[in-house]
Amino acid sequence: MQFLLHKITQLQASSLNALVESIYLELREHKVKKVAIEAKVKEVGEKCKEKKVWVIKPALLVSQPFEHAL
């Protein structure tokens, strides 16, 4: 989960497909499916209306702060 949160923050992707593909390339050796990655990204992330990029949901950041320097 920490990896996913870090990648969403780091990549600042405007496209869900680009974000999923980028994460998938790094997790391919662990046999994680794109469908699972997309579902988890939609669960923990949302598209920021101002910046037009995918970010972590604010409610999740408040309840579970994570290390930015992973």
Protein backbone atom coordinates (compact mmCIF):
# COMPACT_ATOMS: atom_id res chain seq x y z
CA MET A 1 0.00 0.00 0.00
CA GLN A 2 2.83 2.40 0.83
CA PHE A 3 4.33 1.79 -2.61
CA LEU A 4 1.03 2.63 -4.31
CA LEU A 5 0.54 5.84 -2.33
CA HIS A 6 4.09 6.89 -3.06
CA LYS A 7 3.74 6.24 -6.80
CA ILE A 8 0.46 8.17 -7.08
CA THR A 9 2.11 11.14 -5.39
CA GLN A 10 5.35 10.86 -7.34
CA LEU A 11 3.95 10.34 -10.85
CA GLN A 12 1.27 13.06 -10.85
CA ALA A 13 -0.36 11.39 -13.86
CA SER A 14 -3.32 13.04 -15.54
CA SER A 15 -4.50 9.77 -17.06
CA LEU A 16 -5.69 6.79 -15.04
CA ASN A 17 -4.41 4.46 -17.77
CA ALA A 18 -0.94 6.02 -17.69
CA LEU A 19 -0.83 5.76 -13.90
CA VAL A 20 -1.93 2.11 -13.90
CA GLU A 21 0.51 1.21 -16.68
CA SER A 22 3.43 2.84 -14.88
CA ILE A 23 2.66 1.07 -11.61
CA TYR A 24 2.08 -2.21 -13.46
CA LEU A 25 5.53 -2.07 -15.07
CA GLU A 26 7.12 -1.92 -11.63
CA LEU A 27 4.92 -4.65 -10.13
CA ARG A 28 4.90 -7.00 -13.13
CA GLU A 29 7.45 -9.35 -11.54
CA HIS A 30 5.04 -9.80 -8.61
CA LYS A 31 2.28 -10.86 -11.03
CA VAL A 32 -0.09 -8.08 -10.00
CA LYS A 33 -2.86 -7.59 -12.55
CA LYS A 34 -3.72 -4.22 -14.08
CA VAL A 35 -7.35 -4.62 -13.03
CA ALA A 36 -6.29 -4.95 -9.38
CA ILE A 37 -4.03 -1.90 -9.63
CA GLU A 38 -6.78 0.17 -11.24
CA ALA A 39 -9.30 -0.85 -8.57
CA LYS A 40 -6.90 0.08 -5.75
CA VAL A 41 -5.97 3.41 -7.38
CA LYS A 42 -9.68 4.30 -7.64
CA GLU A 43 -10.14 3.28 -4.00
CA VAL A 44 -7.35 5.47 -2.60
CA GLY A 45 -7.11 8.19 -5.24
CA GLU A 46 -9.12 10.79 -7.07
CA LYS A 47 -8.53 13.26 -9.86
CA CYS A 48 -7.71 16.73 -8.52
CA LYS A 49 -10.05 19.27 -10.09
CA GLU A 50 -7.51 22.13 -10.05
CA LYS A 51 -4.35 20.33 -11.17
CA LYS A 52 -6.09 17.68 -13.33
CA VAL A 53 -3.82 14.91 -11.97
CA TRP A 54 -4.47 11.84 -9.80
CA VAL A 55 -3.85 12.45 -6.08
CA ILE A 56 -4.47 10.54 -2.87
CA LYS A 57 -7.88 11.24 -1.33
CA PRO A 58 -7.57 13.86 1.44
CA ALA A 59 -9.52 11.71 3.90
CA LEU A 60 -6.97 8.93 3.48
CA LEU A 61 -4.05 11.30 4.02
CA VAL A 62 -5.54 12.48 7.32
CA SER A 63 -6.31 8.99 8.61
CA GLN A 64 -3.10 7.30 7.40
CA PRO A 65 -0.16 9.64 6.87
CA PHE A 66 2.70 7.99 5.02
CA GLU A 67 6.39 8.62 4.60
CA HIS A 68 7.21 10.78 1.59
CA ALA A 69 10.83 9.63 1.55
CA LEU A 70 10.37 5.96 0.72
